[in-house]
N, C-alpha and C. Protein backbone atom coordinates (compact mmCIF):
# COMPACT_ATOMS: atom_id res chain seq x y z
N MET A 1 20.71 78.89 20.50
CA MET A 1 19.82 79.27 19.43
C MET A 1 20.16 78.44 18.20
N ARG A 2 19.10 78.02 17.53
CA ARG A 2 19.27 77.32 16.24
C ARG A 2 18.59 78.16 15.18
N LEU A 3 19.01 77.95 13.93
CA LEU A 3 18.40 78.64 12.80
C LEU A 3 17.46 77.68 12.08
N ALA A 4 16.34 78.22 11.63
CA ALA A 4 15.33 77.38 10.97
C ALA A 4 14.58 78.19 9.93
N GLN A 5 13.98 77.49 8.98
CA GLN A 5 13.14 78.12 7.97
C GLN A 5 11.68 77.87 8.33
N VAL A 6 10.87 78.92 8.22
CA VAL A 6 9.43 78.77 8.46
C VAL A 6 8.84 78.04 7.27
N ILE A 7 8.19 76.90 7.54
CA ILE A 7 7.62 76.10 6.44
C ILE A 7 6.10 76.05 6.49
N GLY A 8 5.51 76.67 7.51
CA GLY A 8 4.06 76.66 7.58
C GLY A 8 3.57 77.32 8.86
N ARG A 9 2.27 77.37 8.97
CA ARG A 9 1.62 77.98 10.12
C ARG A 9 0.66 76.97 10.72
N VAL A 10 0.59 76.94 12.02
CA VAL A 10 -0.30 76.01 12.72
C VAL A 10 -1.57 76.76 13.07
N THR A 11 -2.70 76.17 12.76
CA THR A 11 -3.98 76.77 13.14
C THR A 11 -4.70 75.83 14.10
N HIS A 12 -5.41 76.42 15.03
CA HIS A 12 -6.17 75.64 16.00
C HIS A 12 -7.40 76.43 16.41
N SER A 13 -8.36 75.76 16.96
CA SER A 13 -9.63 76.42 17.28
C SER A 13 -9.64 77.03 18.68
N ILE A 14 -8.83 76.52 19.58
CA ILE A 14 -8.79 77.03 20.95
C ILE A 14 -7.34 77.29 21.32
N GLN A 15 -7.09 78.45 21.96
CA GLN A 15 -5.73 78.80 22.37
C GLN A 15 -5.77 79.32 23.80
N ASP A 16 -4.78 78.95 24.59
CA ASP A 16 -4.66 79.45 25.96
C ASP A 16 -4.53 80.97 25.92
N PRO A 17 -5.24 81.71 26.73
CA PRO A 17 -5.18 83.18 26.71
C PRO A 17 -3.77 83.74 26.96
N SER A 18 -2.89 82.96 27.56
CA SER A 18 -1.51 83.40 27.80
C SER A 18 -0.78 83.72 26.50
N PHE A 19 -1.20 83.11 25.40
CA PHE A 19 -0.52 83.27 24.12
C PHE A 19 -1.13 84.35 23.25
N LYS A 20 -1.99 85.19 23.80
CA LYS A 20 -2.64 86.24 23.03
C LYS A 20 -1.59 87.14 22.36
N GLY A 21 -1.79 87.42 21.09
CA GLY A 21 -0.89 88.31 20.36
C GLY A 21 0.16 87.59 19.54
N GLY A 22 0.26 86.29 19.68
CA GLY A 22 1.25 85.53 18.92
C GLY A 22 0.59 84.45 18.08
N ARG A 23 1.40 83.69 17.40
CA ARG A 23 0.89 82.58 16.60
C ARG A 23 1.91 81.46 16.62
N TRP A 24 1.54 80.35 16.06
CA TRP A 24 2.39 79.16 16.06
C TRP A 24 2.86 78.89 14.63
N LEU A 25 4.16 78.63 14.48
CA LEU A 25 4.74 78.37 13.17
C LEU A 25 5.40 77.01 13.15
N MET A 26 5.34 76.36 11.99
CA MET A 26 6.07 75.12 11.77
C MET A 26 7.42 75.51 11.18
N VAL A 27 8.52 75.07 11.79
CA VAL A 27 9.85 75.44 11.31
C VAL A 27 10.70 74.20 11.07
N SER A 28 11.62 74.32 10.13
CA SER A 28 12.54 73.23 9.79
C SER A 28 13.96 73.72 10.05
N PRO A 29 14.69 73.09 11.00
CA PRO A 29 16.06 73.52 11.30
C PRO A 29 16.96 73.46 10.06
N LEU A 30 17.91 74.41 9.99
CA LEU A 30 18.83 74.47 8.86
C LEU A 30 20.07 73.64 9.13
N ASP A 31 20.61 73.04 8.08
CA ASP A 31 21.90 72.37 8.14
C ASP A 31 22.99 73.40 7.88
N ALA A 32 24.17 73.19 8.42
CA ALA A 32 25.28 74.14 8.26
C ALA A 32 25.61 74.40 6.79
N ALA A 33 25.41 73.42 5.94
CA ALA A 33 25.73 73.56 4.52
C ALA A 33 24.87 74.60 3.82
N HIS A 34 23.73 74.96 4.39
CA HIS A 34 22.81 75.89 3.73
C HIS A 34 22.76 77.27 4.39
N LEU A 35 23.59 77.53 5.38
CA LEU A 35 23.51 78.79 6.10
C LEU A 35 23.79 80.01 5.22
N ASN A 36 24.78 79.93 4.34
CA ASN A 36 25.15 81.10 3.53
C ASN A 36 24.12 81.44 2.45
N THR A 37 23.33 80.48 2.03
CA THR A 37 22.38 80.72 0.94
C THR A 37 20.92 80.72 1.40
N ALA A 38 20.67 80.42 2.65
CA ALA A 38 19.30 80.23 3.15
C ALA A 38 18.41 81.46 2.97
N CYS A 39 18.97 82.66 3.10
CA CYS A 39 18.14 83.87 3.01
C CYS A 39 17.81 84.24 1.57
N HIS A 40 18.49 83.61 0.60
CA HIS A 40 18.28 83.95 -0.81
C HIS A 40 17.70 82.81 -1.63
N THR A 41 18.02 81.58 -1.24
CA THR A 41 17.54 80.40 -1.94
C THR A 41 16.90 79.47 -0.93
N PRO A 42 15.65 79.09 -1.12
CA PRO A 42 15.01 78.21 -0.13
C PRO A 42 15.80 76.92 0.06
N PRO A 43 16.20 76.63 1.31
CA PRO A 43 16.95 75.40 1.56
C PRO A 43 16.02 74.20 1.50
N PRO A 44 16.58 73.01 1.26
CA PRO A 44 15.73 71.81 1.29
C PRO A 44 15.28 71.56 2.73
N LEU A 45 14.20 70.84 2.89
CA LEU A 45 13.75 70.50 4.23
C LEU A 45 14.85 69.73 4.94
N SER A 46 15.03 70.03 6.20
CA SER A 46 16.09 69.43 6.99
C SER A 46 15.84 67.95 7.23
N ALA A 47 16.93 67.21 7.37
CA ALA A 47 16.81 65.81 7.74
C ALA A 47 16.39 65.71 9.21
N GLN A 48 16.60 66.79 9.97
CA GLN A 48 16.16 66.84 11.35
C GLN A 48 14.64 67.01 11.38
N SER A 49 14.06 66.75 12.50
CA SER A 49 12.61 66.89 12.62
C SER A 49 12.19 68.34 12.61
N SER A 50 11.05 68.60 11.99
CA SER A 50 10.45 69.92 12.06
C SER A 50 9.84 70.09 13.44
N LEU A 51 9.61 71.34 13.84
CA LEU A 51 9.01 71.57 15.13
C LEU A 51 8.11 72.79 15.09
N VAL A 52 7.29 72.94 16.11
CA VAL A 52 6.37 74.05 16.22
C VAL A 52 6.98 75.07 17.18
N ALA A 53 6.98 76.35 16.77
CA ALA A 53 7.54 77.42 17.61
C ALA A 53 6.52 78.55 17.74
N TYR A 54 6.47 79.14 18.92
CA TYR A 54 5.62 80.30 19.16
C TYR A 54 6.31 81.52 18.55
N ASP A 55 5.53 82.38 17.88
CA ASP A 55 6.09 83.55 17.20
C ASP A 55 5.26 84.78 17.51
N ASP A 56 5.93 85.82 18.01
CA ASP A 56 5.24 87.10 18.15
C ASP A 56 6.03 88.20 17.44
N LEU A 57 6.93 87.77 16.53
CA LEU A 57 7.73 88.71 15.75
C LEU A 57 7.10 89.03 14.40
N GLY A 58 6.24 88.14 13.91
CA GLY A 58 5.61 88.34 12.61
C GLY A 58 6.31 87.62 11.48
N ALA A 59 7.02 86.55 11.77
CA ALA A 59 7.69 85.77 10.72
C ALA A 59 6.65 85.11 9.83
N GLY A 60 7.01 84.91 8.57
CA GLY A 60 6.10 84.28 7.63
C GLY A 60 6.76 83.14 6.88
N ALA A 61 6.00 82.47 6.05
CA ALA A 61 6.50 81.32 5.29
C ALA A 61 7.75 81.71 4.51
N GLY A 62 8.77 80.87 4.62
CA GLY A 62 10.02 81.08 3.91
C GLY A 62 11.05 81.88 4.68
N ASP A 63 10.64 82.59 5.73
CA ASP A 63 11.60 83.38 6.52
C ASP A 63 12.58 82.48 7.25
N ILE A 64 13.79 83.00 7.44
CA ILE A 64 14.80 82.31 8.25
C ILE A 64 14.75 82.95 9.63
N VAL A 65 14.55 82.12 10.65
CA VAL A 65 14.38 82.61 12.01
C VAL A 65 15.37 81.94 12.95
N GLY A 66 15.65 82.63 14.05
CA GLY A 66 16.38 82.03 15.15
C GLY A 66 15.36 81.51 16.14
N ILE A 67 15.56 80.30 16.61
CA ILE A 67 14.64 79.72 17.59
C ILE A 67 15.42 79.33 18.85
N VAL A 68 14.77 79.47 19.97
CA VAL A 68 15.31 79.03 21.25
C VAL A 68 14.36 77.99 21.78
N GLU A 69 14.92 76.93 22.35
CA GLU A 69 14.10 75.82 22.83
C GLU A 69 14.31 75.58 24.32
N GLY A 70 13.40 74.83 24.89
CA GLY A 70 13.53 74.42 26.29
C GLY A 70 13.19 75.53 27.26
N ALA A 71 13.76 75.47 28.45
CA ALA A 71 13.46 76.43 29.51
C ALA A 71 13.74 77.87 29.08
N GLU A 72 14.75 78.08 28.24
CA GLU A 72 15.08 79.43 27.77
C GLU A 72 13.95 80.04 26.96
N ALA A 73 13.11 79.24 26.35
CA ALA A 73 11.99 79.75 25.56
C ALA A 73 10.96 80.46 26.42
N THR A 74 10.93 80.19 27.71
CA THR A 74 9.97 80.83 28.60
C THR A 74 10.49 82.17 29.14
N ALA A 75 11.74 82.51 28.89
CA ALA A 75 12.36 83.72 29.46
C ALA A 75 11.62 85.02 29.13
N PRO A 76 11.04 85.22 27.93
CA PRO A 76 10.36 86.48 27.66
C PRO A 76 9.06 86.71 28.44
N PHE A 77 8.58 85.68 29.10
CA PHE A 77 7.30 85.78 29.79
C PHE A 77 7.51 86.02 31.28
N ASP A 78 6.63 86.80 31.89
CA ASP A 78 6.72 87.12 33.31
C ASP A 78 5.96 86.14 34.18
N PHE A 79 5.45 85.07 33.57
CA PHE A 79 4.63 84.11 34.30
C PHE A 79 4.91 82.72 33.73
N PRO A 80 4.63 81.68 34.51
CA PRO A 80 4.84 80.32 34.00
C PRO A 80 3.98 80.08 32.76
N ILE A 81 4.59 79.48 31.74
CA ILE A 81 3.87 79.27 30.49
C ILE A 81 4.33 77.95 29.86
N PRO A 82 3.41 77.17 29.31
CA PRO A 82 3.78 75.88 28.71
C PRO A 82 4.27 76.06 27.27
N ILE A 83 5.56 76.31 27.11
CA ILE A 83 6.11 76.55 25.78
C ILE A 83 7.46 75.86 25.68
N ASP A 84 7.79 75.34 24.50
CA ASP A 84 9.07 74.64 24.33
C ASP A 84 9.96 75.27 23.27
N ALA A 85 9.42 76.10 22.37
CA ALA A 85 10.25 76.76 21.35
C ALA A 85 9.63 78.11 21.00
N ILE A 86 10.48 79.11 20.77
CA ILE A 86 10.02 80.45 20.45
C ILE A 86 10.98 81.08 19.43
N THR A 87 10.43 81.89 18.53
CA THR A 87 11.28 82.61 17.59
C THR A 87 11.84 83.84 18.31
N VAL A 88 13.12 84.12 18.08
CA VAL A 88 13.76 85.26 18.73
C VAL A 88 14.39 86.22 17.74
N ALA A 89 14.43 85.87 16.46
CA ALA A 89 15.02 86.74 15.44
C ALA A 89 14.53 86.33 14.07
N ILE A 90 14.46 87.31 13.17
CA ILE A 90 14.20 87.06 11.75
C ILE A 90 15.43 87.57 11.00
N PHE A 91 16.06 86.72 10.20
CA PHE A 91 17.31 87.08 9.53
C PHE A 91 17.07 87.52 8.10
N GLU A 92 17.73 88.59 7.70
CA GLU A 92 17.69 89.05 6.30
C GLU A 92 18.90 88.52 5.54
N THR A 93 20.04 88.43 6.21
CA THR A 93 21.26 87.87 5.60
C THR A 93 22.00 87.04 6.64
N LEU A 94 22.74 86.07 6.15
CA LEU A 94 23.60 85.23 7.00
C LEU A 94 24.93 85.07 6.30
N THR A 95 26.01 85.09 7.08
CA THR A 95 27.33 84.78 6.56
C THR A 95 27.98 83.80 7.53
N TYR A 96 28.34 82.64 7.04
CA TYR A 96 28.91 81.60 7.88
C TYR A 96 30.22 81.14 7.28
N THR A 97 31.27 81.16 8.10
CA THR A 97 32.58 80.64 7.69
C THR A 97 32.91 79.48 8.63
N PRO A 98 32.95 78.26 8.10
CA PRO A 98 33.23 77.12 8.96
C PRO A 98 34.65 77.23 9.55
N PRO A 99 34.87 76.69 10.73
CA PRO A 99 36.21 76.73 11.32
C PRO A 99 37.18 75.92 10.48
N ASP A 100 38.43 76.35 10.49
CA ASP A 100 39.49 75.65 9.76
C ASP A 100 39.77 74.32 10.46
N PRO A 101 39.68 73.18 9.74
CA PRO A 101 39.83 71.87 10.40
C PRO A 101 41.25 71.57 10.86
N THR A 102 42.22 72.38 10.46
CA THR A 102 43.60 72.07 10.87
C THR A 102 44.01 72.73 12.16
């Protein structure tokens, strides 16, 4: 799982019926330096690429979400589905302590 900030919503005119009840969000992965403040201060856009994730949790712009990518993103579905990233959590607070380098 990676953490990301919702930076927008994707709209389209046609959607596969398999995705009924959800929506698509544009998310920007968080850098480790911004984990402790991300829920209170909007982090800068990541140097990593933004990506589109399927959401059925109700996340909105500015929310910090957990995303799962790849084959694991299809786990919540009982049928084969063409999906590469899905939101799995919405965070209200985060506390990160980096490991001691020594």
